[in-house]
Protein backbone atom coordinates (compact mmCIF):
# COMPACT_ATOMS: atom_id res chain seq x y z
CA MET A 1 46.77 -73.60 99.99
CA ALA A 2 50.39 -73.48 101.19
CA THR A 3 52.82 -71.33 99.22
CA LEU A 4 56.51 -71.37 98.46
CA GLN A 5 58.94 -68.80 97.16
CA CYS A 6 59.92 -69.03 93.50
CA ARG A 7 62.75 -67.40 91.56
CA VAL A 8 63.18 -67.75 87.81
CA VAL A 9 66.44 -66.31 86.53
CA SER A 10 68.04 -66.34 83.08
CA ALA A 11 71.52 -65.29 82.09
CA ARG A 12 70.10 -61.87 81.15
CA GLU A 13 67.52 -61.07 83.81
CA GLN A 14 65.29 -62.15 86.66
CA ILE A 15 61.96 -63.22 85.15
CA TYR A 16 59.96 -63.99 88.29
CA ASP A 17 60.41 -63.58 92.04
CA GLY A 18 57.43 -64.19 94.28
CA GLU A 19 55.14 -66.65 95.98
CA ILE A 20 53.49 -69.51 94.14
CA THR A 21 51.19 -72.36 95.07
CA MET A 22 52.44 -74.70 92.32
CA LEU A 23 55.04 -74.97 89.56
CA ILE A 24 54.77 -77.32 86.60
CA ALA A 25 57.81 -77.83 84.35
CA THR A 26 59.34 -80.45 82.09
CA GLY A 27 62.43 -81.99 83.64
CA SER A 28 64.87 -84.43 82.12
CA GLU A 29 62.76 -87.36 83.37
CA GLY A 30 59.37 -85.88 82.40
CA GLU A 31 56.84 -83.39 83.69
CA ILE A 32 57.14 -82.41 87.35
CA GLY A 33 54.72 -80.63 89.64
CA VAL A 34 56.04 -78.83 92.70
CA LEU A 35 54.03 -77.87 95.77
CA ALA A 36 55.14 -76.48 99.14
CA GLY A 37 56.98 -79.14 101.13
CA HIS A 38 58.23 -81.00 98.04
CA THR A 39 61.20 -83.28 98.59
CA PRO A 40 64.45 -81.43 97.86
CA MET A 41 65.90 -82.26 94.45
CA ILE A 42 67.74 -80.87 91.45
CA THR A 43 66.86 -81.70 87.85
CA LEU A 44 67.71 -80.48 84.39
CA LEU A 45 64.95 -78.72 82.45
CA LYS A 46 63.99 -79.45 78.88
CA PRO A 47 63.03 -76.58 76.56
CA GLY A 48 59.38 -75.71 76.87
CA SER A 49 56.76 -73.97 78.92
CA MET A 50 56.73 -73.73 82.67
CA ARG A 51 53.57 -72.81 84.55
CA LEU A 52 53.47 -70.97 87.85
CA GLN A 53 50.23 -70.73 89.83
CA THR A 54 50.08 -67.72 92.10
CA PRO A 55 48.22 -67.53 95.43
CA ASP A 56 45.51 -65.33 93.85
CA GLY A 57 44.68 -68.10 91.35
CA ASN A 58 46.40 -66.59 88.32
CA GLU A 59 48.79 -68.55 86.18
CA GLU A 60 52.07 -67.30 84.73
CA VAL A 61 53.42 -69.12 81.67
CA ILE A 62 57.17 -68.85 81.07
CA TYR A 63 59.26 -70.30 78.25
CA VAL A 64 62.64 -71.76 79.26
CA SER A 65 65.19 -73.03 76.75
CA GLY A 66 66.65 -75.40 79.32
CA GLY A 67 68.46 -75.03 82.60
CA VAL A 68 68.32 -76.31 86.15
CA LEU A 69 65.41 -76.60 88.59
CA GLU A 70 66.33 -76.71 92.28
CA ILE A 71 63.57 -77.60 94.73
CA GLN A 72 63.70 -76.97 98.47
CA PRO A 73 60.69 -77.33 100.81
CA LYS A 74 59.97 -73.57 100.78
CA LEU A 75 61.93 -72.35 97.75
CA VAL A 76 62.07 -73.24 94.06
CA THR A 77 64.86 -71.79 91.94
CA VAL A 78 64.99 -72.00 88.15
CA LEU A 79 68.32 -71.14 86.53
CA ALA A 80 67.42 -70.99 82.85
CA ASP A 81 69.70 -70.66 79.86
CA THR A 82 67.15 -68.24 78.42
CA ALA A 83 63.66 -67.49 79.67
CA ALA A 84 60.77 -65.23 78.67
CA ARG A 85 57.20 -64.73 79.71
CA ALA A 86 54.88 -66.29 77.12
CA HIS A 87 53.19 -62.95 76.40
CA ASP A 88 56.60 -61.44 75.52
CA LEU A 89 57.40 -64.02 72.82
CA ASP A 90 57.19 -62.71 69.24
CA GLU A 91 55.42 -65.35 67.18
CA ALA A 92 56.42 -63.86 63.81
CA LYS A 93 60.13 -63.93 64.71
CA ILE A 94 59.83 -67.47 66.03
CA VAL A 95 58.13 -68.67 62.83
CA GLU A 96 60.88 -66.99 60.81
CA ALA A 97 63.57 -68.70 62.92
CA ARG A 98 61.82 -72.03 62.41
CA GLN A 99 61.78 -71.55 58.63
CA LYS A 100 65.49 -70.69 58.63
CA ALA A 101 66.27 -73.80 60.67
CA GLU A 102 64.25 -75.95 58.27
CA GLN A 103 66.17 -74.42 55.33
CA MET A 104 69.47 -75.13 57.08
CA LEU A 105 68.43 -78.76 57.50
CA ALA A 106 67.49 -79.01 53.83
CA ASN A 107 70.86 -77.56 52.79
CA GLN A 108 73.03 -79.37 55.35
CA SER A 109 76.62 -79.97 54.46
CA ASP A 110 78.15 -81.15 57.74
CA SER A 111 77.17 -82.45 61.14
CA VAL A 112 77.89 -79.13 62.90
CA GLN A 113 75.35 -77.34 60.71
CA THR A 114 72.88 -80.17 61.17
CA ASN A 115 73.17 -80.02 64.96
CA ALA A 116 72.78 -76.23 64.98
CA ALA A 117 69.73 -76.43 62.74
CA LEU A 118 68.14 -79.16 64.87
CA ALA A 119 68.74 -77.16 68.05
CA SER A 120 67.25 -74.03 66.50
CA LEU A 121 64.27 -75.98 65.19
CA ALA A 122 63.63 -77.58 68.60
CA GLU A 123 63.79 -74.21 70.33
CA SER A 124 61.37 -72.56 67.90
CA VAL A 125 58.90 -75.46 68.22
CA ALA A 126 59.05 -75.24 72.05
CA GLN A 127 58.49 -71.47 71.91
CA LEU A 128 55.49 -71.87 69.61
CA GLN A 129 54.01 -74.49 71.95
CA THR A 130 54.48 -72.07 74.86
CA ILE A 131 52.63 -69.33 72.97
CA ARG A 132 49.76 -71.70 72.22
CA LYS A 133 49.52 -72.79 75.88
CA TYR A 134 49.47 -69.16 76.97
CA ARG A 135 46.73 -68.26 74.49
CA ASN A 136 44.60 -71.18 75.66
CA ARG A 137 44.80 -69.89 79.24
CA ALA A 138 44.35 -66.18 78.55
């Protein structure tokens, strides 16, 4: 199967740099699969898991909190707000963050707090879904 180069970079670090056979991510218009020779495009990413299939048949699961996906025929670049490999996510901390966000929603006093709580809740839910996807593949 044909390969393409892939780079996944967050504001803090480079998460992945290597060859892949396929990338699956959730863009602003829905889930997208990318193979070598894909039509060039740029799309925004929604928070959630991104799957990279490597030439040796392994799959890498990465959580992204959002960002930009740029596709070229032989190169895919992901510029993520934050990103982490699924196996590096700490489920206990994520559950705690989710509980705090739910408490903030219950005790909301203004729209700024509500928006912050909703964003935090959405991020924790997306991270937990990424962990579950990773466990199902491991």
